[in-house]
Amino acid sequence: MPEHEAEASLSGNASVTISVTGMIGWHSDWRRSITLSDGLATASRDLFEDTGWWRGTHLYLHASGAYVVHEGQAGCFAFSVEPITFDVLVPASCAKTPDAAARLSADTPEYQGYPASAYYAGLFYIGRFVEAGSIQGVAGTRPSNPIIFQTHERQSEPELPDLL
C-alpha cells in the first residue's frame, strides 16, 4: 500500500508531517505516523491505527512554546522542535475547559499569530491534518493524496470528541 503525507510548517525550518498508509478494509482505515523535522534532524513515532474513528490530528502551540498534537478520543501529547523530541512535559490538558479557555483567550486572543483555542486552556490552534475527502469542496480534487493539512485560516478550530 502506498504512503501518503501532509506537512505543516512550524517556526524556522521546522515542520511536522503526518503519514498514512492504507489498511485492508472497505473504508478509511490507516496506519499513521508523525515525523518532526528541524531542517537537519528528524524524529518519528507511530500513532494509533485508525479503524474509521479518526476525525483529524489537531495541532496546537502551547503557551510554553511546546507543540501539542490532539486527536480527540485518543488524547494528546507534546513535542518540541528545539531540540527535536517527543519527551516534553508541559502543563497542557487534553480535557475540554471552554470556560477557562474563554477567560484566558480574552487576555491573550492569539500567540505567535495563532488564535486561542475555544476549548483548551493555554493552547493556540495551528490547524489539523485531516482526510481530504471529509472536507467540503476538497473531496475528489486530490485523489492521489487522501490527507491534507488545513490551517486555522482555512478552517476554524472544530470541537473534538471527549477523551475515552
N, C-alpha and C. Protein backbone atom coordinates (compact mmCIF):
# COMPACT_ATOMS: atom_id res chain seq x y z
N MET A 1 0.84 -1.18 0.00
CA MET A 1 0.00 0.00 0.00
C MET A 1 0.89 1.25 0.00
N PRO A 2 0.55 2.27 -0.77
CA PRO A 2 1.36 3.49 -0.80
C PRO A 2 1.17 4.33 0.46
N GLU A 3 2.22 5.09 0.79
CA GLU A 3 2.16 6.01 1.92
C GLU A 3 1.83 7.40 1.40
N HIS A 4 0.98 8.12 2.14
CA HIS A 4 0.60 9.48 1.79
C HIS A 4 0.99 10.39 2.95
N GLU A 5 1.37 11.63 2.63
CA GLU A 5 1.83 12.56 3.65
C GLU A 5 1.20 13.93 3.50
N ALA A 6 1.11 14.62 4.63
CA ALA A 6 0.75 16.03 4.65
C ALA A 6 1.69 16.69 5.65
N GLU A 7 2.12 17.91 5.32
CA GLU A 7 3.11 18.59 6.15
C GLU A 7 2.60 19.95 6.61
N ALA A 8 2.95 20.30 7.84
CA ALA A 8 2.65 21.62 8.39
C ALA A 8 3.98 22.29 8.71
N SER A 9 4.15 23.51 8.24
CA SER A 9 5.35 24.29 8.55
C SER A 9 5.21 24.91 9.93
N LEU A 10 6.30 24.86 10.68
CA LEU A 10 6.34 25.45 12.01
C LEU A 10 7.35 26.59 11.98
N SER A 11 7.82 27.03 13.12
CA SER A 11 8.77 28.15 13.16
C SER A 11 10.10 27.76 12.52
N GLY A 12 10.75 28.75 11.89
CA GLY A 12 12.03 28.50 11.23
C GLY A 12 11.90 27.49 10.12
N ASN A 13 12.81 26.51 10.09
CA ASN A 13 12.77 25.45 9.09
C ASN A 13 12.04 24.21 9.60
N ALA A 14 11.44 24.29 10.76
CA ALA A 14 10.80 23.12 11.37
C ALA A 14 9.49 22.78 10.68
N SER A 15 9.16 21.50 10.74
CA SER A 15 7.89 21.03 10.19
C SER A 15 7.46 19.77 10.92
N VAL A 16 6.20 19.46 10.78
CA VAL A 16 5.64 18.21 11.29
C VAL A 16 4.85 17.58 10.14
N THR A 17 5.05 16.28 9.96
CA THR A 17 4.42 15.55 8.87
C THR A 17 3.63 14.38 9.44
N ILE A 18 2.43 14.21 8.96
CA ILE A 18 1.64 13.02 9.28
C ILE A 18 1.63 12.15 8.03
N SER A 19 1.96 10.87 8.22
CA SER A 19 1.96 9.90 7.12
C SER A 19 0.88 8.86 7.39
N VAL A 20 0.17 8.50 6.34
CA VAL A 20 -0.84 7.45 6.44
C VAL A 20 -0.60 6.40 5.38
N THR A 21 -0.80 5.15 5.76
CA THR A 21 -0.74 4.02 4.84
C THR A 21 -2.03 3.25 5.01
N GLY A 22 -2.70 2.99 3.91
CA GLY A 22 -3.99 2.31 3.97
C GLY A 22 -3.89 0.90 4.51
N MET A 23 -4.89 0.52 5.28
CA MET A 23 -5.01 -0.85 5.77
C MET A 23 -6.07 -1.54 4.91
N ILE A 24 -6.13 -2.83 4.99
CA ILE A 24 -7.14 -3.57 4.23
C ILE A 24 -8.51 -3.28 4.85
N GLY A 25 -9.47 -2.89 4.03
CA GLY A 25 -10.80 -2.60 4.55
C GLY A 25 -11.63 -1.88 3.52
N TRP A 26 -12.89 -1.69 3.84
CA TRP A 26 -13.81 -1.05 2.93
C TRP A 26 -13.87 0.46 3.09
N HIS A 27 -13.33 1.00 4.17
CA HIS A 27 -13.42 2.44 4.39
C HIS A 27 -12.06 2.96 4.81
N SER A 28 -11.97 4.16 5.27
CA SER A 28 -10.71 4.84 5.57
C SER A 28 -10.06 4.30 6.84
N ASP A 29 -9.30 3.23 6.69
CA ASP A 29 -8.53 2.67 7.79
C ASP A 29 -7.06 2.94 7.49
N TRP A 30 -6.34 3.51 8.48
CA TRP A 30 -4.98 3.95 8.24
C TRP A 30 -4.01 3.49 9.32
N ARG A 31 -2.80 3.14 8.89
CA ARG A 31 -1.66 3.10 9.79
C ARG A 31 -1.08 4.50 9.70
N ARG A 32 -0.78 5.10 10.85
CA ARG A 32 -0.38 6.50 10.85
C ARG A 32 0.90 6.71 11.63
N SER A 33 1.69 7.71 11.21
CA SER A 33 2.89 8.09 11.96
C SER A 33 3.09 9.59 11.86
N ILE A 34 3.89 10.11 12.78
CA ILE A 34 4.20 11.53 12.81
C ILE A 34 5.72 11.68 12.76
N THR A 35 6.19 12.65 11.98
CA THR A 35 7.61 12.93 11.86
C THR A 35 7.86 14.40 12.11
N LEU A 36 8.82 14.69 12.97
CA LEU A 36 9.25 16.05 13.25
C LEU A 36 10.54 16.31 12.52
N SER A 37 10.75 17.54 12.06
CA SER A 37 11.99 17.92 11.40
C SER A 37 12.34 19.34 11.77
N ASP A 38 13.64 19.59 11.98
CA ASP A 38 14.10 20.97 12.20
C ASP A 38 14.89 21.47 11.00
N GLY A 39 14.84 20.74 9.90
CA GLY A 39 15.58 21.09 8.69
C GLY A 39 16.87 20.28 8.58
N LEU A 40 17.37 19.75 9.70
CA LEU A 40 18.59 18.94 9.71
C LEU A 40 18.33 17.53 10.24
N ALA A 41 17.65 17.45 11.37
CA ALA A 41 17.40 16.16 12.01
C ALA A 41 15.90 15.86 11.99
N THR A 42 15.57 14.58 12.15
CA THR A 42 14.17 14.16 12.21
C THR A 42 13.97 13.17 13.36
N ALA A 43 12.73 13.06 13.80
CA ALA A 43 12.32 12.06 14.77
C ALA A 43 10.91 11.64 14.41
N SER A 44 10.62 10.35 14.54
CA SER A 44 9.30 9.83 14.16
C SER A 44 8.75 8.93 15.25
N ARG A 45 7.43 8.79 15.24
CA ARG A 45 6.78 7.80 16.10
C ARG A 45 5.44 7.43 15.48
N ASP A 46 5.01 6.22 15.79
CA ASP A 46 3.73 5.74 15.29
C ASP A 46 2.60 6.34 16.12
N LEU A 47 1.48 6.57 15.46
CA LEU A 47 0.26 6.99 16.12
C LEU A 47 -0.68 5.79 16.16
N PHE A 48 -1.78 5.91 16.90
CA PHE A 48 -2.76 4.83 16.94
C PHE A 48 -3.25 4.55 15.53
N GLU A 49 -3.43 3.26 15.22
CA GLU A 49 -4.03 2.91 13.94
C GLU A 49 -5.47 3.39 13.94
N ASP A 50 -5.92 3.82 12.80
CA ASP A 50 -7.29 4.33 12.66
C ASP A 50 -8.14 3.26 11.99
N THR A 51 -9.22 2.94 12.63
CA THR A 51 -10.16 1.99 12.03
C THR A 51 -11.51 2.65 11.82
N GLY A 52 -11.46 3.88 11.33
CA GLY A 52 -12.68 4.59 10.99
C GLY A 52 -13.10 5.67 11.96
N TRP A 53 -12.42 5.80 13.12
CA TRP A 53 -12.82 6.81 14.11
C TRP A 53 -12.12 8.14 13.91
N TRP A 54 -11.04 8.20 13.18
CA TRP A 54 -10.18 9.38 13.10
C TRP A 54 -10.94 10.58 12.54
N ARG A 55 -10.92 11.67 13.26
CA ARG A 55 -11.55 12.92 12.83
C ARG A 55 -10.53 14.03 12.66
N GLY A 56 -9.28 13.65 12.56
CA GLY A 56 -8.22 14.62 12.34
C GLY A 56 -7.21 14.63 13.47
N THR A 57 -6.01 15.03 13.12
CA THR A 57 -4.93 15.22 14.08
C THR A 57 -4.75 16.72 14.19
N HIS A 58 -5.11 17.28 15.33
CA HIS A 58 -5.14 18.72 15.52
C HIS A 58 -3.83 19.19 16.14
N LEU A 59 -3.30 20.28 15.62
CA LEU A 59 -2.01 20.79 16.03
C LEU A 59 -2.19 22.13 16.74
N TYR A 60 -1.60 22.24 17.92
CA TYR A 60 -1.68 23.44 18.74
C TYR A 60 -0.28 23.88 19.15
N LEU A 61 -0.17 25.14 19.52
CA LEU A 61 1.02 25.68 20.16
C LEU A 61 0.62 25.99 21.59
N HIS A 62 1.38 25.45 22.54
CA HIS A 62 1.10 25.72 23.96
C HIS A 62 1.77 27.03 24.34
N ALA A 63 1.23 27.71 25.33
CA ALA A 63 1.78 28.99 25.79
C ALA A 63 3.24 28.87 26.23
N SER A 64 3.71 27.66 26.55
CA SER A 64 5.10 27.43 26.95
C SER A 64 6.05 27.40 25.75
N GLY A 65 5.50 27.31 24.53
CA GLY A 65 6.31 27.20 23.32
C GLY A 65 6.38 25.79 22.77
N ALA A 66 5.90 24.80 23.52
CA ALA A 66 5.85 23.42 23.04
C ALA A 66 4.65 23.27 22.11
N TYR A 67 4.74 22.30 21.22
CA TYR A 67 3.62 21.99 20.33
C TYR A 67 2.83 20.83 20.93
N VAL A 68 1.53 20.80 20.66
CA VAL A 68 0.67 19.75 21.18
C VAL A 68 -0.14 19.17 20.03
N VAL A 69 -0.14 17.85 19.94
CA VAL A 69 -0.96 17.11 18.99
C VAL A 69 -2.14 16.57 19.78
N HIS A 70 -3.36 16.85 19.30
CA HIS A 70 -4.57 16.38 19.98
C HIS A 70 -5.41 15.61 18.98
N GLU A 71 -5.82 14.39 19.36
CA GLU A 71 -6.60 13.55 18.47
C GLU A 71 -7.99 13.21 19.03
N GLY A 72 -8.48 14.09 19.88
CA GLY A 72 -9.82 13.85 20.41
C GLY A 72 -9.85 12.66 21.33
N GLN A 73 -10.57 11.62 20.97
CA GLN A 73 -10.74 10.45 21.81
C GLN A 73 -9.42 9.76 22.14
N ALA A 74 -8.42 9.87 21.28
CA ALA A 74 -7.12 9.22 21.50
C ALA A 74 -6.19 10.06 22.38
N GLY A 75 -6.61 11.24 22.79
CA GLY A 75 -5.80 12.05 23.69
C GLY A 75 -4.79 12.93 22.98
N CYS A 76 -3.81 13.42 23.75
CA CYS A 76 -2.84 14.34 23.18
C CYS A 76 -1.45 14.10 23.76
N PHE A 77 -0.46 14.68 23.10
CA PHE A 77 0.92 14.64 23.57
C PHE A 77 1.63 15.89 23.06
N ALA A 78 2.73 16.22 23.72
CA ALA A 78 3.50 17.41 23.35
C ALA A 78 4.81 17.01 22.70
N PHE A 79 5.36 17.92 21.90
CA PHE A 79 6.68 17.73 21.32
C PHE A 79 7.37 19.07 21.17
N SER A 80 8.66 19.03 20.92
CA SER A 80 9.46 20.23 20.72
C SER A 80 10.29 20.06 19.46
N VAL A 81 10.58 21.17 18.80
CA VAL A 81 11.48 21.12 17.64
C VAL A 81 12.80 21.81 17.94
N GLU A 82 12.97 22.31 19.15
CA GLU A 82 14.23 22.96 19.56
C GLU A 82 14.60 22.50 20.96
N PRO A 83 15.23 21.37 21.16
CA PRO A 83 15.61 20.33 20.19
C PRO A 83 14.40 19.44 19.85
N ILE A 84 14.57 18.66 18.81
CA ILE A 84 13.50 17.74 18.41
C ILE A 84 13.37 16.64 19.45
N THR A 85 12.18 16.55 20.03
CA THR A 85 11.90 15.48 20.99
C THR A 85 10.40 15.33 21.20
N PHE A 86 10.01 14.08 21.46
CA PHE A 86 8.63 13.80 21.85
C PHE A 86 8.51 13.76 23.38
N ASP A 87 9.64 13.88 24.06
CA ASP A 87 9.66 13.80 25.53
C ASP A 87 9.58 15.18 26.14
N VAL A 88 8.44 15.82 26.00
CA VAL A 88 8.23 17.17 26.52
C VAL A 88 7.13 17.12 27.58
N LEU A 89 7.44 17.66 28.73
CA LEU A 89 6.43 17.74 29.78
C LEU A 89 5.95 19.18 29.87
N VAL A 90 4.71 19.41 29.52
CA VAL A 90 4.10 20.74 29.62
C VAL A 90 2.77 20.58 30.35
N PRO A 91 2.32 21.62 30.99
CA PRO A 91 1.05 21.52 31.71
C PRO A 91 -0.17 21.66 30.80
N ALA A 92 -0.09 21.08 29.61
CA ALA A 92 -1.22 21.13 28.67
C ALA A 92 -2.23 20.05 29.05
N SER A 93 -3.49 20.39 28.99
CA SER A 93 -4.54 19.44 29.32
C SER A 93 -5.31 19.06 28.07
N CYS A 94 -5.63 17.78 27.95
CA CYS A 94 -6.46 17.30 26.84
C CYS A 94 -7.94 17.38 27.18
N ALA A 95 -8.24 17.75 28.41
CA ALA A 95 -9.64 17.84 28.82
C ALA A 95 -10.21 19.20 28.42
N LYS A 96 -11.40 19.19 27.88
CA LYS A 96 -12.04 20.44 27.47
C LYS A 96 -12.35 21.30 28.69
N THR A 97 -12.01 22.57 28.58
CA THR A 97 -12.32 23.56 29.62
C THR A 97 -12.75 24.85 28.93
N PRO A 98 -13.90 24.85 28.26
CA PRO A 98 -14.30 26.02 27.48
C PRO A 98 -14.41 27.30 28.30
N ASP A 99 -14.84 27.21 29.57
CA ASP A 99 -14.95 28.42 30.39
C ASP A 99 -13.57 29.01 30.68
N ALA A 100 -12.61 28.15 31.08
CA ALA A 100 -11.25 28.61 31.35
C ALA A 100 -10.59 29.10 30.07
N ALA A 101 -10.81 28.40 28.96
CA ALA A 101 -10.24 28.82 27.68
C ALA A 101 -10.76 30.19 27.27
N ALA A 102 -12.04 30.43 27.49
CA ALA A 102 -12.64 31.73 27.14
C ALA A 102 -12.03 32.85 27.98
N ARG A 103 -11.82 32.59 29.28
CA ARG A 103 -11.22 33.61 30.15
C ARG A 103 -9.78 33.92 29.72
N LEU A 104 -9.00 32.86 29.43
CA LEU A 104 -7.61 33.07 29.01
C LEU A 104 -7.52 33.74 27.65
N SER A 105 -8.42 33.37 26.72
CA SER A 105 -8.35 33.95 25.38
C SER A 105 -8.77 35.42 25.39
N ALA A 106 -9.54 35.83 26.38
CA ALA A 106 -9.89 37.26 26.50
C ALA A 106 -8.63 38.07 26.80
N ASP A 107 -7.72 37.50 27.59
CA ASP A 107 -6.45 38.17 27.91
C ASP A 107 -5.43 38.04 26.79
N THR A 108 -5.38 36.85 26.15
CA THR A 108 -4.41 36.58 25.09
C THR A 108 -5.15 35.93 23.93
N PRO A 109 -5.74 36.73 23.02
CA PRO A 109 -6.55 36.15 21.95
C PRO A 109 -5.73 35.40 20.89
N GLU A 110 -4.42 35.69 20.82
CA GLU A 110 -3.57 34.93 19.90
C GLU A 110 -2.14 34.90 20.43
N TYR A 111 -1.38 33.93 19.93
CA TYR A 111 0.02 33.74 20.33
C TYR A 111 0.78 33.34 19.07
N GLN A 112 1.80 34.10 18.73
CA GLN A 112 2.61 33.88 17.52
C GLN A 112 1.74 33.74 16.28
N GLY A 113 0.64 34.49 16.23
CA GLY A 113 -0.23 34.50 15.06
C GLY A 113 -1.31 33.44 15.05
N TYR A 114 -1.37 32.59 16.09
CA TYR A 114 -2.37 31.54 16.16
C TYR A 114 -3.47 31.93 17.14
N PRO A 115 -4.73 31.68 16.79
CA PRO A 115 -5.83 32.04 17.69
C PRO A 115 -5.91 31.13 18.91
N ALA A 116 -6.34 31.69 20.03
CA ALA A 116 -6.53 30.91 21.25
C ALA A 116 -7.61 29.85 21.02
N SER A 117 -7.39 28.68 21.59
CA SER A 117 -8.38 27.61 21.49
C SER A 117 -9.65 27.99 22.23
N ALA A 118 -10.76 27.62 21.66
CA ALA A 118 -12.04 27.84 22.31
C ALA A 118 -12.37 26.74 23.32
N TYR A 119 -11.56 25.67 23.35
CA TYR A 119 -11.88 24.51 24.17
C TYR A 119 -10.81 24.13 25.18
N TYR A 120 -9.54 24.49 24.91
CA TYR A 120 -8.43 24.04 25.74
C TYR A 120 -7.62 25.23 26.25
N ALA A 121 -7.53 25.35 27.56
CA ALA A 121 -6.82 26.47 28.18
C ALA A 121 -5.33 26.41 27.86
N GLY A 122 -4.76 27.53 27.44
CA GLY A 122 -3.33 27.63 27.18
C GLY A 122 -2.88 27.11 25.83
N LEU A 123 -3.81 26.67 24.98
CA LEU A 123 -3.46 26.17 23.65
C LEU A 123 -3.92 27.15 22.58
N PHE A 124 -3.13 27.22 21.51
CA PHE A 124 -3.42 28.10 20.38
C PHE A 124 -3.46 27.24 19.13
N TYR A 125 -4.53 27.36 18.36
CA TYR A 125 -4.84 26.45 17.26
C TYR A 125 -4.05 26.79 16.00
N ILE A 126 -3.27 25.81 15.53
CA ILE A 126 -2.49 25.97 14.29
C ILE A 126 -3.28 25.43 13.11
N GLY A 127 -3.86 24.24 13.25
CA GLY A 127 -4.62 23.62 12.17
C GLY A 127 -4.77 22.14 12.42
N ARG A 128 -5.17 21.41 11.37
CA ARG A 128 -5.39 19.98 11.53
C ARG A 128 -5.01 19.21 10.27
N PHE A 129 -4.55 17.99 10.51
CA PHE A 129 -4.34 17.02 9.45
C PHE A 129 -5.64 16.24 9.36
N VAL A 130 -6.17 16.12 8.15
CA VAL A 130 -7.49 15.51 8.01
C VAL A 130 -7.60 14.84 6.64
N GLU A 131 -8.51 13.89 6.54
CA GLU A 131 -8.75 13.25 5.26
C GLU A 131 -9.35 14.26 4.30
N ALA A 132 -8.79 14.36 3.11
CA ALA A 132 -9.26 15.33 2.12
C ALA A 132 -10.72 15.09 1.75
N GLY A 133 -11.13 13.84 1.73
CA GLY A 133 -12.50 13.51 1.36
C GLY A 133 -13.54 13.98 2.35
N SER A 134 -13.10 14.35 3.56
CA SER A 134 -14.06 14.81 4.56
C SER A 134 -14.23 16.33 4.55
N ILE A 135 -13.51 17.02 3.66
CA ILE A 135 -13.56 18.48 3.57
C ILE A 135 -14.46 18.87 2.41
N GLN A 136 -15.46 19.69 2.69
CA GLN A 136 -16.34 20.17 1.64
C GLN A 136 -15.54 20.98 0.63
N GLY A 137 -15.74 20.73 -0.65
CA GLY A 137 -15.05 21.47 -1.69
C GLY A 137 -13.68 20.91 -2.03
N VAL A 138 -13.15 19.99 -1.22
CA VAL A 138 -11.84 19.40 -1.49
C VAL A 138 -12.00 17.97 -1.96
N ALA A 139 -13.06 17.33 -1.53
CA ALA A 139 -13.28 15.93 -1.89
C ALA A 139 -13.18 15.74 -3.40
N GLY A 140 -12.36 14.78 -3.79
CA GLY A 140 -12.21 14.47 -5.21
C GLY A 140 -11.21 15.33 -5.94
N THR A 141 -10.70 16.42 -5.33
CA THR A 141 -9.77 17.28 -6.03
C THR A 141 -8.33 16.82 -5.88
N ARG A 142 -8.03 15.94 -4.91
CA ARG A 142 -6.68 15.44 -4.70
C ARG A 142 -6.71 13.93 -4.55
N PRO A 143 -7.14 13.21 -5.56
CA PRO A 143 -7.30 11.76 -5.41
C PRO A 143 -5.98 11.04 -5.13
N SER A 144 -4.85 11.65 -5.50
CA SER A 144 -3.57 10.98 -5.27
C SER A 144 -3.08 11.13 -3.83
N ASN A 145 -3.65 12.05 -3.06
CA ASN A 145 -3.24 12.22 -1.67
C ASN A 145 -4.48 12.42 -0.81
N PRO A 146 -4.85 11.40 -0.03
CA PRO A 146 -6.09 11.49 0.75
C PRO A 146 -5.98 12.31 2.03
N ILE A 147 -4.80 12.85 2.36
CA ILE A 147 -4.63 13.60 3.61
C ILE A 147 -4.08 14.99 3.30
N ILE A 148 -4.60 15.99 4.01
CA ILE A 148 -4.13 17.37 3.85
C ILE A 148 -3.92 18.00 5.22
N PHE A 149 -3.16 19.10 5.25
CA PHE A 149 -3.09 19.92 6.45
C PHE A 149 -3.90 21.16 6.18
N GLN A 150 -4.86 21.42 7.05
CA GLN A 150 -5.77 22.55 6.90
C GLN A 150 -5.46 23.56 8.01
N THR A 151 -4.98 24.74 7.64
CA THR A 151 -4.58 25.76 8.62
C THR A 151 -5.78 26.41 9.28
N HIS A 152 -5.53 27.11 10.38
CA HIS A 152 -6.59 27.81 11.09
C HIS A 152 -7.21 28.91 10.24
N GLU A 153 -6.48 29.42 9.23
CA GLU A 153 -7.06 30.43 8.35
C GLU A 153 -8.14 29.84 7.43
N ARG A 154 -8.00 28.58 7.10
CA ARG A 154 -8.96 27.93 6.20
C ARG A 154 -10.14 27.30 6.93
N GLN A 155 -9.91 26.89 8.17
CA GLN A 155 -10.96 26.23 8.95
C GLN A 155 -10.75 26.57 10.42
N SER A 156 -11.76 27.15 11.04
CA SER A 156 -11.63 27.45 12.47
C SER A 156 -11.60 26.14 13.24
N GLU A 157 -11.16 26.21 14.46
CA GLU A 157 -10.99 25.03 15.31
C GLU A 157 -12.32 24.30 15.52
N PRO A 158 -12.41 23.05 15.07
CA PRO A 158 -13.63 22.29 15.35
C PRO A 158 -13.55 21.67 16.76
N GLU A 159 -14.70 21.41 17.34
CA GLU A 159 -14.71 20.76 18.65
C GLU A 159 -14.42 19.28 18.48
N LEU A 160 -13.47 18.79 19.29
CA LEU A 160 -13.10 17.37 19.25
C LEU A 160 -13.98 16.56 20.21
N PRO A 161 -14.14 15.27 19.94
CA PRO A 161 -14.88 14.44 20.88
C PRO A 161 -14.10 14.32 22.20
N ASP A 162 -14.79 14.02 23.28
CA ASP A 162 -14.16 13.85 24.58
C ASP A 162 -13.22 12.67 24.58
N LEU A 163 -12.25 12.69 25.51
CA LEU A 163 -11.30 11.60 25.68
C LEU A 163 -12.03 10.32 26.06
N LEU A 164 -11.50 9.20 25.62
CA LEU A 164 -12.07 7.90 26.01
C LEU A 164 -11.55 7.51 27.37
